[in-house]
Amino acid sequence: MIASSILLAFDNPLAKQDTKITIQHFDLVLTSIFIVEIIIKVIALGFINCGKSSYIRNIWNTIDFIICISSIVDISLTRYSAFRLVKILRLFRIIKPLLKLSKNDGLKIALQTLY
């Protein structure tokens, strides 16, 4: 999650080609890790019809699923210059750190105190 946020910070249109390729490779690795995380959660909880604890019935898991799908679309379409607008989907990844913060009560209290 932190690595994904750092990648978003380093990604810019003025970066050298080598930097862009490195960021794309790290992006592919991180997206693969997030997909494996989703698969493990779906196996453990069930996808939809496995009761109230199903994976997709939790709002945070649903947001996480949408972020991963948008990452897959972004990775698969960035090779084509006509689909450069798909890079906007990367903005959904900013939500990922917020998901982790929302699950940790101690961090929520610390952030509210700082605010």
Foldseek 3Di string as FASTA:
>chain_A
DVVLVVLVVPDDPPDDPVNVVVSLVVLVVVLVVLVVVLVVLCVVANDPPRPCSHQCNDPLSVLSVQLSVLSVVCSVPVVDPVVPVSVVSSVSVVCVVVSVCVVDPVSVVVVVVVD
